[in-house]
Amino acid sequence: MITATTTTTTTTTTDIVAKLWSLCNVLRDDGVTYNEYVTELTFLLFLKMLEETKKEDRLSKQYRWAELAKREGLDQLDYYKRLLLDLGKPETTDELVRAIFTDAQTRLRKPTNLKALTSHINQLDWFSAREEGLGTLYEGLLEKNAADKKSGAGQYFTPRPLIDCIVRLMKPQPGEVVQDPAAGTAGFLVAADRYVKDKTDDLYKLPAEKAHFQRHHALNGAELVPDTHRLCMMNLLLHGIEGGVALADTLSPDGEQLPKADLILTNPPFGTKKGGGRPTRSDFSVTADTSNKQLAFVEHIVRALEPGGRAAVVVPDNVLFEDNTGRRLRTWLMELCSLHTILRLPTGIFYAQGVKTNVLFFQRGKTDKANTKAVWVYDLRANMPAFGKTRPLTIADFAEFEKAYGSAPNGGDKRKDHGEDGRWRCFTREEIAGRNDNLDISWLRDTEAEAEEALTEPEDIAAAIIGHLKAALEEVEALSEELDPNGDAETVPPTAEAAE
């Protein structure tokens, strides 16, 4: 929700984020990469923010910000290394502290660089940061990292305008369990929580037990990558959310332990499991024999939804058209769920992956038969401008889609087909069956080629080229991994456009 204070907040927060980000240049000669720098900052900011929020009782007395900041030289660096090691030990009683620091290691080698970081952090305008929200500051840092093409962090960062659009349409409610089985840095969960808080005066309009549920039990999920999980936990903490996201592989038995959800919002990883590995879930049937991660995540989402529960999930195009396992999954999905809406996303918003993407909106049925009656498709890809550094994705880009979607989270409002010249079309279940359940539906001229030719920023052009090369390489690797001893390809096709 945009408020009257947005401009001031953005200016101050952006200034602090820029100062923090500029320190990365100081550390480049210490061999610290962009992603490592954000992880390093997370350790330091966690200590500093506990001091600022007067929650240092979560730490043992010998390991606190003031003690670290006052030290000098090699003594400070050695102390910092002991701090990271000890706070991450299994005997650390605070679960969040243990999650942040488990297997934590510093990438800093020069004492002068650690001193530069602690000194600059101390000099920031922490009063303004607290006033505007420490979570806003940290999200700004994550967004800066993801937006920088050299960091490569875009693989786990969904564009904020897209997240906010999805959350506005799905309307999370107090008392609902919201899940992200591929949480990344918790963008979807934080946005869902913010939506509820905006509607309830920061939870003050809720009874005490419901407010407690929202803070401690409403949000859950899993994240596989340890360093990303640290960023996720930090982001949740600074937004007043305690825990909820496990360091786990959703496609393993750990995923079966995630609570059933009323709402699932997610952007799962694209591509194949390393080494051609298959899901190890005992409850999987449709995707049990595929290494295609995004197909397997869709099966998890359907199984994790409560009857009547709803989901919005970002998937690459191949989920819509792959044969064999892909087709069986789509048929199964449309039987168990009402797949009421598909949003074809513009190209250029996921350069880290170099893929074409969509959002599937569906509701789990009360029964397991014939739940999809019709699928509405909105084409936001054809004839769109070239998105990149000079033309970022904005909230305004989704305005017409949101209007067409309507106010009902499960697509229940009366909708009007815009015809062959419009972006909004309806296709009956019978028409889709006539396409062999291929949901890769387009009718407008796709100007992706012209869009990419129109890119002018060298960073955007390079990122687009790298994205396409990575996608091609992953396709070749997937095919190689899935050849059987006789040299015949597995019945499950490789991911057409894959990315880690």
Protein backbone atom coordinates (compact mmCIF):
# COMPACT_ATOMS: atom_id res chain seq x y z
CA MET A 1 0.00 0.00 0.00
CA ILE A 2 1.37 3.42 -1.01
CA THR A 3 1.08 6.05 1.69
CA ALA A 4 1.73 9.76 1.91
CA THR A 5 5.09 9.07 3.56
CA THR A 6 6.36 6.92 0.71
CA THR A 7 8.52 9.63 -0.90
CA THR A 8 10.30 10.58 2.34
CA THR A 9 10.75 6.96 3.34
CA THR A 10 12.16 6.03 -0.03
CA THR A 11 14.61 8.94 -0.02
CA THR A 12 16.04 8.23 3.43
CA THR A 13 16.11 4.47 3.03
CA THR A 14 17.64 4.71 -0.42
CA ASP A 15 20.39 6.95 0.97
CA ILE A 16 21.26 4.43 3.70
CA VAL A 17 21.17 1.50 1.27
CA ALA A 18 23.45 3.38 -1.14
CA LYS A 19 25.97 4.02 1.64
CA LEU A 20 25.96 0.37 2.69
CA TRP A 21 26.22 -0.82 -0.90
CA SER A 22 29.13 1.50 -1.68
CA LEU A 23 31.19 -0.25 0.98
CA CYS A 24 31.31 -3.32 -1.25
CA ASN A 25 33.74 -1.47 -3.49
CA VAL A 26 36.10 -1.16 -0.52
CA LEU A 27 36.07 -4.93 -0.07
CA ARG A 28 36.61 -5.99 -3.66
CA ASP A 29 40.37 -6.18 -3.18
CA ASP A 30 39.72 -8.58 -0.28
CA GLY A 31 38.15 -11.05 -2.73
CA VAL A 32 34.59 -10.46 -1.48
CA THR A 33 31.85 -10.92 -4.08
CA TYR A 34 28.53 -9.06 -4.09
CA ASN A 35 26.55 -11.96 -2.67
CA GLU A 36 29.19 -12.66 -0.04
CA TYR A 37 29.09 -9.01 0.91
CA VAL A 38 25.34 -9.09 1.54
CA THR A 39 25.77 -12.21 3.69
CA GLU A 40 28.61 -10.50 5.58
CA LEU A 41 26.43 -7.43 6.09
CA THR A 42 23.65 -9.64 7.39
CA PHE A 43 25.87 -10.92 10.22
CA LEU A 44 26.92 -7.40 11.17
CA LEU A 45 23.51 -5.77 10.73
CA PHE A 46 21.89 -8.51 12.81
CA LEU A 47 24.15 -7.62 15.74
CA LYS A 48 23.67 -3.88 15.25
CA MET A 49 19.90 -4.09 14.81
CA LEU A 50 19.50 -6.15 17.98
CA GLU A 51 21.26 -3.29 19.76
CA GLU A 52 19.05 -0.69 18.07
CA THR A 53 15.83 -2.57 18.91
CA LYS A 54 17.01 -3.38 22.47
CA LYS A 55 16.80 -7.13 21.90
CA GLU A 56 20.40 -8.00 22.69
CA ASP A 57 19.24 -10.40 25.38
CA ARG A 58 18.92 -12.89 22.53
CA LEU A 59 22.73 -13.00 22.47
CA SER A 60 25.23 -14.14 25.07
CA LYS A 61 26.75 -11.12 26.80
CA GLN A 62 30.24 -11.59 25.41
CA TYR A 63 29.06 -11.39 21.79
CA ARG A 64 27.33 -8.06 21.22
CA TRP A 65 27.72 -5.16 18.81
CA ALA A 66 29.38 -2.68 21.16
CA GLU A 67 32.08 -5.19 22.06
CA LEU A 68 32.80 -5.92 18.40
CA ALA A 69 32.74 -2.27 17.28
CA LYS A 70 35.16 -1.00 19.92
CA ARG A 71 37.94 -3.45 19.05
CA GLU A 72 40.76 -2.71 16.63
CA GLY A 73 43.00 -4.47 14.16
CA LEU A 74 43.65 -8.20 14.25
CA ASP A 75 42.03 -8.42 17.69
CA GLN A 76 38.71 -7.32 16.17
CA LEU A 77 38.92 -9.78 13.28
CA ASP A 78 39.80 -12.69 15.58
CA TYR A 79 36.96 -11.75 17.94
CA TYR A 80 34.55 -11.59 14.98
CA LYS A 81 35.56 -15.07 13.82
CA ARG A 82 34.98 -16.50 17.33
CA LEU A 83 31.62 -14.74 17.50
CA LEU A 84 30.46 -16.28 14.21
CA LEU A 85 31.60 -19.73 15.27
CA ASP A 86 30.09 -19.68 18.77
CA LEU A 87 26.72 -18.13 17.89
CA GLY A 88 26.16 -20.83 15.28
CA LYS A 89 26.85 -23.78 17.58
CA PRO A 90 24.06 -26.32 18.17
CA GLU A 91 23.93 -25.39 21.86
CA THR A 92 22.82 -21.83 21.03
CA THR A 93 19.35 -21.76 22.56
CA ASP A 94 17.83 -18.97 20.46
CA GLU A 95 16.61 -20.67 17.26
CA LEU A 96 16.76 -17.53 15.14
CA VAL A 97 20.30 -16.65 16.23
CA ARG A 98 21.36 -20.23 15.50
CA ALA A 99 19.69 -20.10 12.07
CA ILE A 100 21.46 -16.85 11.14
CA PHE A 101 24.91 -18.02 12.25
CA THR A 102 24.95 -21.78 11.55
CA ASP A 103 28.13 -22.55 9.55
CA ALA A 104 28.80 -18.80 9.31
CA GLN A 105 32.22 -17.79 8.06
CA THR A 106 33.65 -14.38 7.31
CA ARG A 107 35.07 -13.67 3.86
CA LEU A 108 37.09 -10.79 5.29
CA ARG A 109 40.84 -11.23 5.52
CA LYS A 110 42.04 -7.70 6.21
CA PRO A 111 41.32 -6.20 9.66
CA THR A 112 41.08 -2.74 8.09
CA ASN A 113 38.05 -3.83 6.04
CA LEU A 114 36.16 -5.13 9.08
CA LYS A 115 36.89 -1.86 10.88
CA ALA A 116 35.62 0.08 7.86
CA LEU A 117 32.36 -1.87 7.94
CA THR A 118 31.73 -1.51 11.68
CA SER A 119 32.62 2.19 11.64
CA HIS A 120 30.37 3.01 8.69
CA ILE A 121 27.49 0.99 10.15
CA ASN A 122 27.81 2.91 13.42
CA GLN A 123 27.65 6.22 11.56
CA LEU A 124 24.35 5.49 9.77
CA ASP A 125 21.19 7.41 10.66
CA TRP A 126 19.70 4.65 12.79
CA PHE A 127 17.00 6.89 14.24
CA SER A 128 15.52 7.46 10.77
CA ALA A 129 16.01 3.80 9.87
CA ARG A 130 14.01 2.73 12.94
CA GLU A 131 11.30 5.27 12.18
CA GLU A 132 10.88 4.04 8.63
CA GLY A 133 11.29 0.39 9.50
CA LEU A 134 14.45 -1.67 9.62
CA GLY A 135 12.74 -4.22 7.40
CA THR A 136 12.34 -1.58 4.69
CA LEU A 137 16.06 -0.85 4.92
CA TYR A 138 17.01 -4.51 4.63
CA GLU A 139 14.62 -5.14 1.74
CA GLY A 140 16.21 -2.20 -0.05
CA LEU A 141 19.59 -3.84 0.35
CA LEU A 142 18.31 -7.14 -1.01
CA GLU A 143 16.70 -5.36 -3.95
CA LYS A 144 19.92 -3.49 -4.69
CA ASN A 145 21.82 -6.77 -4.74
CA ALA A 146 19.27 -8.43 -7.04
CA ALA A 147 19.12 -5.45 -9.41
CA ASP A 148 22.89 -5.43 -9.88
CA LYS A 149 23.51 -7.73 -12.84
CA LYS A 150 27.03 -8.56 -11.61
CA SER A 151 25.72 -10.01 -8.35
CA GLY A 152 23.72 -12.76 -10.04
CA ALA A 153 21.24 -12.59 -7.17
CA GLY A 154 18.21 -12.17 -9.42
CA GLN A 155 17.73 -15.94 -9.35
CA TYR A 156 16.10 -15.74 -5.92
CA PHE A 157 14.60 -12.27 -6.08
CA THR A 158 11.15 -11.83 -7.60
CA PRO A 159 10.48 -8.24 -8.79
CA ARG A 160 8.61 -6.34 -6.07
CA PRO A 161 5.92 -4.94 -8.41
CA LEU A 162 5.03 -8.50 -9.43
CA ILE A 163 4.93 -9.71 -5.83
CA ASP A 164 2.73 -6.79 -4.79
CA CYS A 165 0.37 -7.37 -7.73
CA ILE A 166 -0.05 -11.05 -6.85
CA VAL A 167 -0.62 -10.33 -3.16
CA ARG A 168 -3.22 -7.65 -3.92
CA LEU A 169 -5.14 -10.11 -6.09
CA MET A 170 -4.90 -13.07 -3.69
CA LYS A 171 -5.85 -11.01 -0.61
CA PRO A 172 -4.32 -12.93 2.34
CA GLN A 173 -6.56 -12.78 5.40
CA PRO A 174 -5.87 -12.84 9.16
CA GLY A 175 -5.96 -16.41 10.41
CA GLU A 176 -4.88 -17.93 7.09
CA VAL A 177 -1.74 -20.05 6.76
CA VAL A 178 0.43 -18.69 3.94
CA GLN A 179 3.25 -20.80 2.52
CA ASP A 180 6.18 -20.28 0.16
CA PRO A 181 7.91 -23.63 -0.47
CA ALA A 182 10.80 -21.89 -2.27
CA ALA A 183 11.04 -18.84 -0.03
CA GLY A 184 14.23 -17.19 -1.30
CA THR A 185 14.62 -13.99 0.71
CA ALA A 186 10.95 -14.17 1.85
CA GLY A 187 9.60 -11.52 -0.50
CA PHE A 188 6.19 -13.16 -0.89
CA LEU A 189 5.80 -13.89 2.82
CA VAL A 190 6.79 -10.37 3.87
CA ALA A 191 4.37 -8.85 1.32
CA ALA A 192 1.52 -11.10 2.50
CA ASP A 193 2.20 -10.16 6.11
CA ARG A 194 2.34 -6.47 5.21
CA TYR A 195 -1.00 -6.76 3.41
CA VAL A 196 -2.64 -8.22 6.53
CA LYS A 197 -1.03 -5.59 8.77
CA ASP A 198 -2.19 -2.75 6.51
CA LYS A 199 -5.77 -4.03 6.79
CA THR A 200 -5.62 -4.48 10.58
CA ASP A 201 -3.76 -1.37 11.78
CA ASP A 202 -0.54 -3.34 12.25
CA LEU A 203 -2.55 -6.20 13.87
CA TYR A 204 -3.96 -3.92 16.62
CA LYS A 205 -7.51 -4.50 15.35
CA LEU A 206 -7.10 -8.24 15.89
CA PRO A 207 -7.72 -10.11 19.14
CA ALA A 208 -4.51 -10.95 20.98
CA GLU A 209 -4.55 -14.63 20.02
CA LYS A 210 -5.02 -13.83 16.32
CA ALA A 211 -2.23 -11.24 16.41
CA HIS A 212 0.05 -13.84 18.01
CA PHE A 213 -0.90 -16.36 15.31
CA GLN A 214 -0.03 -13.84 12.59
CA ARG A 215 3.40 -13.15 14.06
CA HIS A 216 4.37 -16.71 14.90
CA HIS A 217 2.34 -19.26 12.90
CA ALA A 218 0.69 -17.68 9.85
CA LEU A 219 3.74 -17.84 7.58
CA ASN A 220 5.79 -20.90 6.71
CA GLY A 221 7.94 -22.31 3.95
CA ALA A 222 11.32 -23.73 3.04
CA GLU A 223 14.56 -22.51 1.49
CA LEU A 224 17.27 -24.89 0.30
CA VAL A 225 20.34 -22.61 0.03
CA PRO A 226 21.94 -21.84 3.44
CA ASP A 227 23.16 -18.32 2.64
CA THR A 228 19.81 -17.38 1.10
CA HIS A 229 18.08 -18.84 4.16
CA ARG A 230 20.08 -16.46 6.38
CA LEU A 231 18.87 -13.49 4.32
CA CYS A 232 15.33 -14.87 4.52
CA MET A 233 15.38 -15.20 8.32
CA MET A 234 16.85 -11.72 8.72
CA ASN A 235 14.19 -10.25 6.46
CA LEU A 236 11.41 -11.95 8.43
CA LEU A 237 12.85 -10.81 11.77
CA LEU A 238 13.06 -7.17 10.71
CA HIS A 239 9.42 -7.29 9.62
CA GLY A 240 8.28 -8.58 13.00
CA ILE A 241 7.86 -12.20 11.88
CA GLU A 242 9.40 -14.94 14.00
CA GLY A 243 10.79 -17.90 12.06
CA GLY A 244 8.49 -19.98 9.91
CA VAL A 245 10.89 -20.85 7.07
CA ALA A 246 12.92 -24.05 7.41
CA LEU A 247 16.31 -24.72 5.87
CA ALA A 248 15.06 -27.67 3.85
CA ASP A 249 14.48 -29.23 0.43
CA THR A 250 10.77 -29.11 -0.37
CA LEU A 251 11.20 -31.94 -2.88
CA SER A 252 12.55 -34.24 -0.14
CA PRO A 253 10.59 -35.80 2.75
CA ASP A 254 11.10 -32.48 4.57
CA GLY A 255 8.53 -30.98 2.21
CA GLU A 256 5.88 -33.42 3.45
CA GLN A 257 6.25 -31.90 6.92
CA LEU A 258 5.26 -28.39 5.85
CA PRO A 259 1.83 -27.46 7.24
CA LYS A 260 -1.17 -27.42 4.93
CA ALA A 261 -1.81 -23.93 3.59
CA ASP A 262 -4.79 -21.73 2.79
CA LEU A 263 -2.66 -19.68 0.40
CA ILE A 264 0.58 -20.51 -1.43
CA LEU A 265 2.61 -17.76 -3.11
CA THR A 266 5.88 -18.78 -4.72
CA ASN A 267 8.44 -18.48 -7.50
CA PRO A 268 10.08 -21.93 -7.48
CA PRO A 269 13.58 -22.55 -8.86
CA PHE A 270 13.71 -23.35 -12.56
CA GLY A 271 15.69 -26.14 -14.19
CA THR A 272 16.58 -29.70 -13.27
CA LYS A 273 17.87 -31.16 -10.03
CA LYS A 274 21.65 -31.53 -10.01
CA GLY A 275 22.81 -34.84 -11.42
CA GLY A 276 19.34 -35.56 -12.78
CA GLY A 277 18.07 -36.36 -9.28
CA ARG A 278 14.39 -37.07 -8.72
CA PRO A 279 12.12 -35.90 -5.90
CA THR A 280 12.28 -38.21 -2.89
CA ARG A 281 8.76 -37.53 -1.67
CA SER A 282 6.68 -40.59 -0.77
CA ASP A 283 3.49 -38.68 -1.53
CA PHE A 284 4.45 -37.71 -5.11
CA SER A 285 2.98 -39.66 -8.01
CA VAL A 286 2.71 -37.44 -11.10
CA THR A 287 6.27 -36.04 -10.97
CA ALA A 288 8.02 -38.78 -9.01
CA ASP A 289 10.20 -39.75 -11.97
CA THR A 290 11.22 -36.34 -13.30
CA SER A 291 14.23 -34.18 -12.46
CA ASN A 292 12.30 -31.09 -13.63
CA LYS A 293 12.06 -29.02 -10.45
CA GLN A 294 9.31 -26.64 -11.48
CA LEU A 295 6.97 -29.50 -12.42
CA ALA A 296 7.64 -31.16 -9.06
CA PHE A 297 6.98 -27.92 -7.20
CA VAL A 298 3.58 -27.61 -8.85
CA GLU A 299 2.68 -31.08 -7.54
CA HIS A 300 3.81 -30.03 -4.05
CA ILE A 301 1.67 -26.90 -4.20
CA VAL A 302 -1.48 -28.80 -5.19
CA ARG A 303 -0.93 -31.35 -2.43
CA ALA A 304 -0.11 -28.70 0.18
CA LEU A 305 -3.30 -26.69 -0.34
CA GLU A 306 -6.28 -27.12 1.95
CA PRO A 307 -9.56 -27.84 0.12
CA GLY A 308 -10.66 -24.44 -1.17
CA GLY A 309 -7.13 -23.08 -0.72
CA ARG A 310 -5.65 -20.86 -3.43
CA ALA A 311 -2.27 -20.42 -5.05
CA ALA A 312 -0.33 -18.10 -7.33
CA VAL A 313 2.89 -19.55 -8.71
CA VAL A 314 5.49 -18.22 -11.17
CA VAL A 315 6.48 -20.86 -13.75
CA PRO A 316 8.48 -20.85 -17.00
CA ASP A 317 6.76 -21.50 -20.33
CA ASN A 318 7.82 -25.15 -20.49
CA VAL A 319 5.43 -26.00 -17.65
CA LEU A 320 2.63 -24.96 -20.00
CA PHE A 321 3.70 -27.00 -23.02
CA GLU A 322 5.95 -29.95 -22.05
CA ASP A 323 4.58 -33.33 -23.07
CA ASN A 324 4.59 -36.59 -21.07
CA THR A 325 5.04 -35.66 -17.38
CA GLY A 326 4.21 -32.02 -18.12
CA ARG A 327 0.95 -32.90 -19.82
CA ARG A 328 -0.02 -35.40 -17.11
CA LEU A 329 0.65 -32.73 -14.48
CA ARG A 330 -1.52 -30.13 -16.22
CA THR A 331 -4.39 -32.59 -16.68
CA TRP A 332 -4.12 -33.62 -13.02
CA LEU A 333 -3.93 -29.98 -11.91
CA MET A 334 -7.06 -29.04 -13.87
CA GLU A 335 -8.94 -31.99 -12.39
CA LEU A 336 -8.06 -31.25 -8.75
CA CYS A 337 -8.03 -27.46 -9.04
CA SER A 338 -9.78 -24.62 -10.79
CA LEU A 339 -6.97 -23.18 -12.91
CA HIS A 340 -8.87 -19.99 -13.56
CA THR A 341 -6.16 -17.53 -14.69
CA ILE A 342 -2.79 -17.47 -16.46
CA LEU A 343 -0.75 -14.26 -16.68
CA ARG A 344 1.87 -14.32 -19.45
CA LEU A 345 4.64 -12.14 -18.03
CA PRO A 346 6.81 -9.77 -20.06
CA THR A 347 10.30 -10.82 -21.08
CA GLY A 348 13.27 -9.04 -19.54
CA ILE A 349 12.13 -9.11 -15.92
CA PHE A 350 14.06 -12.31 -15.07
CA TYR A 351 17.33 -11.74 -16.88
CA ALA A 352 19.18 -13.85 -14.34
CA GLN A 353 17.28 -16.85 -15.65
CA GLY A 354 16.79 -15.75 -19.25
CA VAL A 355 13.38 -17.39 -19.41
CA LYS A 356 9.81 -16.57 -20.39
CA THR A 357 7.55 -16.80 -17.37
CA ASN A 358 3.91 -16.92 -16.35
CA VAL A 359 1.82 -16.79 -13.19
CA LEU A 360 -0.70 -19.58 -12.63
CA PHE A 361 -3.64 -18.72 -10.38
CA PHE A 362 -5.66 -21.68 -9.13
CA GLN A 363 -7.90 -22.91 -6.32
CA ARG A 364 -7.91 -26.42 -4.85
CA GLY A 365 -11.31 -28.02 -5.30
CA LYS A 366 -13.47 -29.54 -2.58
CA THR A 367 -13.49 -32.69 -4.74
CA ASP A 368 -10.86 -34.12 -7.09
CA LYS A 369 -12.86 -34.10 -10.32
CA ALA A 370 -13.42 -31.58 -13.16
CA ASN A 371 -12.67 -28.43 -11.18
CA THR A 372 -11.40 -26.35 -14.13
CA LYS A 373 -14.28 -25.13 -16.29
CA ALA A 374 -12.42 -22.40 -18.19
CA VAL A 375 -9.02 -20.71 -18.18
CA TRP A 376 -8.63 -16.95 -18.66
CA VAL A 377 -5.31 -15.87 -20.18
CA TYR A 378 -3.89 -12.34 -20.00
CA ASP A 379 -1.03 -11.66 -22.42
CA LEU A 380 1.25 -9.05 -20.86
CA ARG A 381 4.15 -10.21 -23.06
CA ALA A 382 3.30 -9.31 -26.64
CA ASN A 383 3.91 -5.76 -27.83
CA MET A 384 5.40 -4.71 -24.51
CA PRO A 385 8.38 -2.34 -24.07
CA ALA A 386 11.86 -3.68 -23.42
CA PHE A 387 12.27 -4.05 -19.68
CA GLY A 388 15.67 -3.46 -18.16
CA LYS A 389 17.70 -0.89 -16.29
CA THR A 390 16.30 2.04 -18.25
CA ARG A 391 12.72 0.69 -18.20
CA PRO A 392 12.12 -1.18 -14.95
CA LEU A 393 8.93 -3.07 -14.20
CA THR A 394 6.47 -0.94 -12.21
CA ILE A 395 3.17 -1.35 -10.39
CA ALA A 396 1.45 0.57 -13.19
CA ASP A 397 2.37 -2.17 -15.69
CA PHE A 398 -0.09 -4.51 -13.95
CA ALA A 399 -3.00 -2.07 -13.62
CA GLU A 400 -5.00 -3.31 -16.62
CA PHE A 401 -4.46 -6.96 -15.68
CA GLU A 402 -5.63 -6.33 -12.13
CA LYS A 403 -8.73 -4.60 -13.46
CA ALA A 404 -9.50 -7.54 -15.75
CA TYR A 405 -8.81 -10.09 -13.01
CA GLY A 406 -11.40 -8.55 -10.71
CA SER A 407 -11.69 -8.29 -6.94
CA ALA A 408 -12.45 -11.96 -6.20
CA PRO A 409 -9.23 -13.81 -5.22
CA ASN A 410 -10.34 -17.00 -6.98
CA GLY A 411 -11.43 -15.34 -10.21
CA GLY A 412 -15.13 -15.39 -9.36
CA ASP A 413 -16.03 -11.95 -10.71
CA LYS A 414 -17.83 -11.62 -14.03
CA ARG A 415 -15.22 -11.25 -16.77
CA LYS A 416 -15.40 -10.00 -20.36
CA ASP A 417 -13.34 -11.51 -23.17
CA HIS A 418 -11.43 -8.76 -25.02
CA GLY A 419 -11.39 -10.69 -28.32
CA GLU A 420 -8.55 -11.60 -30.68
CA ASP A 421 -7.15 -8.06 -30.70
CA GLY A 422 -7.17 -7.75 -26.90
CA ARG A 423 -4.94 -9.11 -24.14
CA TRP A 424 -7.67 -10.92 -22.14
CA ARG A 425 -9.19 -14.15 -23.51
CA CYS A 426 -11.24 -17.05 -22.17
CA PHE A 427 -10.69 -20.68 -23.20
CA THR A 428 -13.08 -23.43 -22.15
CA ARG A 429 -11.88 -26.71 -20.71
CA GLU A 430 -13.05 -28.40 -23.91
CA GLU A 431 -10.98 -26.04 -26.06
CA ILE A 432 -7.92 -26.73 -23.93
CA ALA A 433 -8.51 -30.49 -24.16
CA GLY A 434 -8.55 -30.06 -27.93
CA ARG A 435 -5.01 -28.65 -27.60
CA ASN A 436 -3.88 -31.80 -25.73
CA ASP A 437 -3.93 -29.70 -22.55
CA ASN A 438 -1.21 -27.43 -23.91
CA LEU A 439 -1.62 -24.15 -22.00
CA ASP A 440 1.02 -22.18 -23.89
CA ILE A 441 -1.68 -20.05 -25.47
CA SER A 442 -0.88 -16.90 -27.45
CA TRP A 443 -2.76 -14.99 -30.11
CA LEU A 444 -1.00 -11.61 -30.28
CA ARG A 445 2.27 -11.04 -32.11
CA ASP A 446 5.15 -11.55 -29.69
CA THR A 447 7.72 -8.80 -30.16
CA GLU A 448 10.38 -10.25 -27.89
CA ALA A 449 13.01 -10.09 -30.63
CA GLU A 450 12.34 -6.41 -31.28
CA ALA A 451 12.31 -5.75 -27.53
CA GLU A 452 15.74 -7.24 -27.07
CA GLU A 453 17.06 -5.39 -30.11
CA ALA A 454 15.77 -2.20 -28.48
CA LEU A 455 17.91 -2.66 -25.38
CA THR A 456 20.43 0.15 -25.10
CA GLU A 457 22.19 -0.41 -21.77
CA PRO A 458 25.29 -2.63 -22.12
CA GLU A 459 24.43 -4.32 -18.80
CA ASP A 460 20.96 -5.26 -20.07
CA ILE A 461 22.25 -6.52 -23.41
CA ALA A 462 24.96 -8.62 -21.74
CA ALA A 463 22.50 -10.01 -19.21
CA ALA A 464 20.07 -11.01 -21.97
CA ILE A 465 22.81 -12.79 -23.92
CA ILE A 466 24.11 -14.58 -20.83
CA GLY A 467 20.58 -15.62 -19.90
CA HIS A 468 19.96 -17.24 -23.28
CA LEU A 469 23.36 -18.99 -23.24
CA LYS A 470 22.72 -20.36 -19.74
CA ALA A 471 19.31 -21.62 -20.79
CA ALA A 472 20.79 -23.41 -23.82
CA LEU A 473 23.61 -24.92 -21.73
CA GLU A 474 21.20 -26.21 -19.09
CA GLU A 475 19.04 -27.78 -21.80
CA VAL A 476 22.06 -29.65 -23.17
CA GLU A 477 23.12 -30.74 -19.67
CA ALA A 478 19.64 -31.94 -18.83
CA LEU A 479 19.47 -34.01 -22.01
CA SER A 480 22.90 -35.51 -21.33
CA GLU A 481 21.97 -36.45 -17.76
CA GLU A 482 18.74 -38.14 -18.79
CA LEU A 483 20.13 -40.43 -21.48
CA ASP A 484 19.73 -44.06 -20.50
CA PRO A 485 22.53 -46.66 -20.98
CA ASN A 486 21.12 -47.51 -24.43
CA GLY A 487 21.41 -43.89 -25.53
CA ASP A 488 17.69 -43.27 -25.63
CA ALA A 489 16.34 -40.11 -24.07
CA GLU A 490 14.09 -40.47 -21.04
CA THR A 491 10.39 -40.05 -21.71
CA VAL A 492 10.47 -36.82 -19.72
CA PRO A 493 11.85 -34.02 -21.92
CA PRO A 494 14.51 -31.75 -20.45
CA THR A 495 13.60 -28.28 -19.30
CA ALA A 496 13.31 -26.09 -22.38
CA GLU A 497 14.48 -22.96 -20.62
CA ALA A 498 16.26 -23.76 -17.38
CA ALA A 499 18.05 -21.69 -14.82
CA GLU A 500 19.35 -22.09 -11.30
